[in-house]
Amino acid sequence: MTSGKTRTRRRPTEIAAQDRALLEAQGYRQVTLRGGRVCAVKGFVFTTALLVGIDPFGYSLRYCYEHAHEAEAALAEWDGTGHAGGPWIKCKGAGVELLNPSLSC
């Protein structure tokens, strides 16, 4: 039950050491905050992803890159607003599936 007040979800200002260690043990690299959201790079079968909004249930968005160094560079340069940079191929998430408009044939 709630008291009638709207609860807002606070964005983290830092990542606890135990949370970072858990993510790194699961294969996440460059775990960091961008725009108040936990982000990291992780290898998938055919791509490397820049994951945005990581929480105990999964993540909000996934930017798929052909090469790991591209995803790592994009995360390092990105401030968390708008779309991540670099040559991402596709952005996926709940209700989101975008092809990178700068890579049109």
N, C-alpha and C. Protein backbone atom coordinates (compact mmCIF):
# COMPACT_ATOMS: atom_id res chain seq x y z
N MET A 1 0.83 -1.18 0.00
CA MET A 1 0.00 0.00 0.00
C MET A 1 0.87 1.24 0.00
N THR A 2 0.35 2.27 -0.60
CA THR A 2 1.09 3.52 -0.61
C THR A 2 0.33 4.57 0.17
N SER A 3 1.01 5.60 0.55
CA SER A 3 0.38 6.66 1.33
C SER A 3 -0.28 7.70 0.44
N GLY A 4 -0.38 7.44 -0.85
CA GLY A 4 -0.97 8.39 -1.77
C GLY A 4 0.06 9.27 -2.45
N LYS A 5 1.28 9.24 -1.96
CA LYS A 5 2.34 10.02 -2.58
C LYS A 5 2.93 9.23 -3.74
N THR A 6 3.30 9.93 -4.77
CA THR A 6 3.93 9.29 -5.91
C THR A 6 5.39 9.03 -5.60
N ARG A 7 5.80 7.79 -5.80
CA ARG A 7 7.21 7.45 -5.59
C ARG A 7 7.97 7.69 -6.88
N THR A 8 9.07 8.35 -6.76
CA THR A 8 9.93 8.54 -7.92
C THR A 8 11.17 7.69 -7.72
N ARG A 9 11.64 7.14 -8.78
CA ARG A 9 12.82 6.30 -8.72
C ARG A 9 14.05 7.18 -8.82
N ARG A 10 14.86 7.14 -7.79
CA ARG A 10 16.07 7.95 -7.79
C ARG A 10 17.14 7.30 -8.65
N ARG A 11 17.84 8.14 -9.36
CA ARG A 11 18.96 7.64 -10.16
C ARG A 11 20.19 7.56 -9.27
N PRO A 12 20.95 6.50 -9.41
CA PRO A 12 22.13 6.35 -8.55
C PRO A 12 23.18 7.42 -8.85
N THR A 13 23.94 7.77 -7.83
CA THR A 13 25.03 8.72 -8.01
C THR A 13 26.38 8.02 -7.98
N GLU A 14 26.37 6.75 -7.55
CA GLU A 14 27.58 5.94 -7.60
C GLU A 14 27.18 4.46 -7.61
N ILE A 15 28.11 3.64 -8.02
CA ILE A 15 27.87 2.19 -8.06
C ILE A 15 28.58 1.57 -6.87
N ALA A 16 27.85 0.87 -6.04
CA ALA A 16 28.45 0.22 -4.87
C ALA A 16 29.47 -0.81 -5.33
N ALA A 17 30.53 -0.96 -4.55
CA ALA A 17 31.61 -1.88 -4.90
C ALA A 17 31.10 -3.30 -5.10
N GLN A 18 30.18 -3.76 -4.25
CA GLN A 18 29.68 -5.13 -4.38
C GLN A 18 28.83 -5.28 -5.66
N ASP A 19 28.12 -4.22 -6.06
CA ASP A 19 27.34 -4.29 -7.30
C ASP A 19 28.26 -4.33 -8.52
N ARG A 20 29.31 -3.51 -8.49
CA ARG A 20 30.29 -3.51 -9.58
C ARG A 20 30.95 -4.88 -9.68
N ALA A 21 31.34 -5.45 -8.55
CA ALA A 21 32.01 -6.76 -8.54
C ALA A 21 31.08 -7.84 -9.10
N LEU A 22 29.80 -7.79 -8.74
CA LEU A 22 28.84 -8.77 -9.25
C LEU A 22 28.70 -8.65 -10.76
N LEU A 23 28.57 -7.44 -11.27
CA LEU A 23 28.45 -7.24 -12.72
C LEU A 23 29.71 -7.70 -13.45
N GLU A 24 30.87 -7.36 -12.91
CA GLU A 24 32.12 -7.77 -13.55
C GLU A 24 32.28 -9.28 -13.53
N ALA A 25 31.82 -9.94 -12.47
CA ALA A 25 31.88 -11.41 -12.40
C ALA A 25 30.97 -12.04 -13.45
N GLN A 26 29.94 -11.30 -13.90
CA GLN A 26 29.03 -11.79 -14.92
C GLN A 26 29.46 -11.39 -16.33
N GLY A 27 30.66 -10.82 -16.46
CA GLY A 27 31.19 -10.52 -17.79
C GLY A 27 31.00 -9.10 -18.28
N TYR A 28 30.44 -8.22 -17.44
CA TYR A 28 30.28 -6.82 -17.83
C TYR A 28 31.64 -6.12 -17.67
N ARG A 29 31.95 -5.23 -18.61
CA ARG A 29 33.20 -4.47 -18.57
C ARG A 29 32.87 -2.98 -18.57
N GLN A 30 33.80 -2.19 -18.10
CA GLN A 30 33.66 -0.74 -18.06
C GLN A 30 32.35 -0.31 -17.40
N VAL A 31 32.04 -0.89 -16.27
CA VAL A 31 30.81 -0.57 -15.55
C VAL A 31 30.91 0.87 -15.05
N THR A 32 29.94 1.69 -15.43
CA THR A 32 29.97 3.10 -15.10
C THR A 32 28.57 3.69 -15.07
N LEU A 33 28.46 4.91 -14.61
CA LEU A 33 27.19 5.63 -14.66
C LEU A 33 27.21 6.64 -15.79
N ARG A 34 26.12 6.70 -16.53
CA ARG A 34 25.94 7.71 -17.57
C ARG A 34 24.51 8.21 -17.43
N GLY A 35 24.36 9.50 -17.19
CA GLY A 35 23.02 10.06 -17.04
C GLY A 35 22.25 9.42 -15.90
N GLY A 36 22.94 9.00 -14.83
CA GLY A 36 22.28 8.38 -13.70
C GLY A 36 21.86 6.94 -13.91
N ARG A 37 22.29 6.35 -15.02
CA ARG A 37 21.95 4.94 -15.30
C ARG A 37 23.23 4.11 -15.33
N VAL A 38 23.14 2.90 -14.82
CA VAL A 38 24.27 1.99 -14.84
C VAL A 38 24.44 1.48 -16.27
N CYS A 39 25.65 1.62 -16.80
CA CYS A 39 25.96 1.20 -18.16
C CYS A 39 27.21 0.33 -18.14
N ALA A 40 27.37 -0.49 -19.17
CA ALA A 40 28.56 -1.33 -19.28
C ALA A 40 28.64 -1.89 -20.70
N VAL A 41 29.75 -2.53 -20.97
CA VAL A 41 29.97 -3.21 -22.25
C VAL A 41 30.00 -4.70 -21.96
N LYS A 42 29.37 -5.48 -22.85
CA LYS A 42 29.37 -6.93 -22.68
C LYS A 42 29.35 -7.61 -24.04
N GLY A 43 30.10 -8.67 -24.18
CA GLY A 43 30.13 -9.43 -25.42
C GLY A 43 28.92 -10.33 -25.55
N PHE A 44 28.37 -10.39 -26.75
CA PHE A 44 27.28 -11.31 -27.08
C PHE A 44 27.83 -12.25 -28.16
N VAL A 45 27.02 -13.13 -28.68
CA VAL A 45 27.49 -14.13 -29.63
C VAL A 45 28.07 -13.49 -30.89
N PHE A 46 27.35 -12.57 -31.52
CA PHE A 46 27.79 -11.99 -32.77
C PHE A 46 28.17 -10.52 -32.69
N THR A 47 27.89 -9.87 -31.57
CA THR A 47 28.17 -8.45 -31.41
C THR A 47 28.70 -8.18 -30.01
N THR A 48 29.11 -6.94 -29.80
CA THR A 48 29.42 -6.47 -28.46
C THR A 48 28.43 -5.35 -28.17
N ALA A 49 27.86 -5.36 -26.98
CA ALA A 49 26.81 -4.41 -26.65
C ALA A 49 27.26 -3.38 -25.64
N LEU A 50 26.74 -2.18 -25.83
CA LEU A 50 26.79 -1.14 -24.81
C LEU A 50 25.40 -1.20 -24.17
N LEU A 51 25.36 -1.62 -22.92
CA LEU A 51 24.09 -1.80 -22.22
C LEU A 51 23.81 -0.59 -21.34
N VAL A 52 22.56 -0.15 -21.36
CA VAL A 52 22.14 1.06 -20.66
C VAL A 52 21.01 0.73 -19.68
N GLY A 53 21.10 1.28 -18.48
CA GLY A 53 20.03 1.08 -17.51
C GLY A 53 20.03 -0.31 -16.90
N ILE A 54 21.21 -0.82 -16.57
CA ILE A 54 21.32 -2.16 -15.98
C ILE A 54 20.77 -2.12 -14.56
N ASP A 55 19.92 -3.10 -14.25
CA ASP A 55 19.37 -3.24 -12.91
C ASP A 55 19.23 -4.73 -12.61
N PRO A 56 18.71 -5.10 -11.45
CA PRO A 56 18.62 -6.53 -11.12
C PRO A 56 17.76 -7.35 -12.09
N PHE A 57 16.95 -6.69 -12.91
CA PHE A 57 16.05 -7.40 -13.81
C PHE A 57 16.56 -7.48 -15.25
N GLY A 58 17.62 -6.76 -15.58
CA GLY A 58 18.15 -6.75 -16.94
C GLY A 58 18.70 -5.39 -17.30
N TYR A 59 18.28 -4.87 -18.45
CA TYR A 59 18.73 -3.56 -18.90
C TYR A 59 17.63 -2.92 -19.74
N SER A 60 17.73 -1.60 -19.92
CA SER A 60 16.71 -0.86 -20.68
C SER A 60 16.98 -0.87 -22.17
N LEU A 61 18.23 -0.58 -22.54
CA LEU A 61 18.61 -0.50 -23.95
C LEU A 61 19.91 -1.25 -24.20
N ARG A 62 20.05 -1.72 -25.44
CA ARG A 62 21.27 -2.40 -25.86
C ARG A 62 21.66 -1.84 -27.22
N TYR A 63 22.83 -1.24 -27.29
CA TYR A 63 23.39 -0.79 -28.57
C TYR A 63 24.36 -1.86 -29.04
N CYS A 64 24.12 -2.43 -30.21
CA CYS A 64 24.93 -3.52 -30.72
C CYS A 64 26.02 -2.97 -31.65
N TYR A 65 27.25 -3.34 -31.40
CA TYR A 65 28.40 -2.94 -32.21
C TYR A 65 29.06 -4.19 -32.78
N GLU A 66 29.66 -4.04 -33.96
CA GLU A 66 30.35 -5.17 -34.57
C GLU A 66 31.62 -5.53 -33.80
N HIS A 67 32.33 -4.51 -33.30
CA HIS A 67 33.62 -4.75 -32.64
C HIS A 67 33.61 -4.20 -31.21
N ALA A 68 34.26 -4.91 -30.31
CA ALA A 68 34.31 -4.52 -28.90
C ALA A 68 34.92 -3.14 -28.72
N HIS A 69 35.98 -2.83 -29.43
CA HIS A 69 36.63 -1.53 -29.23
C HIS A 69 35.71 -0.38 -29.60
N GLU A 70 34.77 -0.59 -30.52
CA GLU A 70 33.81 0.45 -30.89
C GLU A 70 32.82 0.70 -29.75
N ALA A 71 32.34 -0.35 -29.13
CA ALA A 71 31.41 -0.21 -28.00
C ALA A 71 32.12 0.44 -26.81
N GLU A 72 33.35 0.04 -26.55
CA GLU A 72 34.11 0.60 -25.44
C GLU A 72 34.37 2.09 -25.65
N ALA A 73 34.75 2.47 -26.87
CA ALA A 73 35.00 3.88 -27.18
C ALA A 73 33.71 4.70 -27.08
N ALA A 74 32.61 4.14 -27.56
CA ALA A 74 31.33 4.84 -27.50
C ALA A 74 30.93 5.11 -26.05
N LEU A 75 31.08 4.13 -25.18
CA LEU A 75 30.73 4.31 -23.78
C LEU A 75 31.64 5.36 -23.13
N ALA A 76 32.92 5.30 -23.43
CA ALA A 76 33.87 6.25 -22.84
C ALA A 76 33.55 7.69 -23.24
N GLU A 77 33.03 7.89 -24.44
CA GLU A 77 32.76 9.25 -24.96
C GLU A 77 31.34 9.74 -24.68
N TRP A 78 30.43 8.85 -24.34
CA TRP A 78 29.01 9.18 -24.23
C TRP A 78 28.69 9.78 -22.86
N ASP A 79 27.86 10.83 -22.82
CA ASP A 79 27.47 11.45 -21.56
C ASP A 79 26.13 10.92 -21.04
N GLY A 80 25.51 10.01 -21.75
CA GLY A 80 24.26 9.41 -21.30
C GLY A 80 23.01 10.07 -21.87
N THR A 81 23.17 11.12 -22.66
CA THR A 81 22.01 11.76 -23.27
C THR A 81 21.92 11.40 -24.75
N GLY A 82 20.71 11.35 -25.26
CA GLY A 82 20.53 10.97 -26.65
C GLY A 82 20.99 9.55 -26.88
N HIS A 83 21.32 9.25 -28.13
CA HIS A 83 21.84 7.92 -28.45
C HIS A 83 23.35 7.89 -28.27
N ALA A 84 23.86 6.71 -27.97
CA ALA A 84 25.30 6.51 -27.90
C ALA A 84 25.89 6.77 -29.28
N GLY A 85 27.16 7.11 -29.32
CA GLY A 85 27.82 7.40 -30.59
C GLY A 85 28.44 6.16 -31.20
N GLY A 86 29.21 6.41 -32.24
CA GLY A 86 29.92 5.32 -32.91
C GLY A 86 29.02 4.54 -33.85
N PRO A 87 29.60 3.56 -34.48
CA PRO A 87 28.87 2.80 -35.51
C PRO A 87 28.02 1.66 -34.97
N TRP A 88 27.11 1.98 -34.03
CA TRP A 88 26.22 0.92 -33.55
C TRP A 88 25.33 0.49 -34.71
N ILE A 89 25.03 -0.78 -34.73
CA ILE A 89 24.24 -1.36 -35.81
C ILE A 89 22.76 -1.25 -35.50
N LYS A 90 22.41 -1.61 -34.28
CA LYS A 90 21.00 -1.63 -33.88
C LYS A 90 20.90 -1.27 -32.40
N CYS A 91 19.81 -0.61 -32.06
CA CYS A 91 19.48 -0.31 -30.66
C CYS A 91 18.21 -1.08 -30.35
N LYS A 92 18.27 -1.90 -29.29
CA LYS A 92 17.12 -2.72 -28.91
C LYS A 92 16.78 -2.49 -27.44
N GLY A 93 15.50 -2.66 -27.14
CA GLY A 93 15.02 -2.56 -25.77
C GLY A 93 13.54 -2.82 -25.77
N ALA A 94 12.91 -2.61 -24.63
CA ALA A 94 11.46 -2.83 -24.54
C ALA A 94 10.75 -1.83 -25.43
N GLY A 95 10.17 -2.32 -26.51
CA GLY A 95 9.46 -1.47 -27.45
C GLY A 95 10.34 -0.65 -28.37
N VAL A 96 11.64 -0.93 -28.38
CA VAL A 96 12.59 -0.18 -29.20
C VAL A 96 13.37 -1.13 -30.09
N GLU A 97 13.41 -0.84 -31.36
CA GLU A 97 14.30 -1.56 -32.28
C GLU A 97 14.62 -0.60 -33.42
N LEU A 98 15.80 0.03 -33.31
CA LEU A 98 16.22 1.03 -34.28
C LEU A 98 17.46 0.59 -35.02
N LEU A 99 17.50 0.83 -36.30
CA LEU A 99 18.75 0.70 -37.06
C LEU A 99 19.44 2.05 -36.98
N ASN A 100 20.76 2.05 -36.94
CA ASN A 100 21.51 3.30 -36.87
C ASN A 100 21.30 4.08 -38.16
N PRO A 101 20.68 5.27 -38.09
CA PRO A 101 20.41 6.04 -39.30
C PRO A 101 21.68 6.49 -40.02
N SER A 102 22.80 6.62 -39.29
CA SER A 102 24.04 7.02 -39.97
C SER A 102 24.70 5.89 -40.75
N LEU A 103 24.18 4.69 -40.65
CA LEU A 103 24.76 3.55 -41.39
C LEU A 103 23.88 3.11 -42.55
N SER A 104 23.01 3.99 -43.02
CA SER A 104 22.12 3.60 -44.11
C SER A 104 22.93 3.35 -45.38
N CYS A 105 22.48 2.38 -46.15
CA CYS A 105 23.19 1.97 -47.37
C CYS A 105 22.93 2.92 -48.52
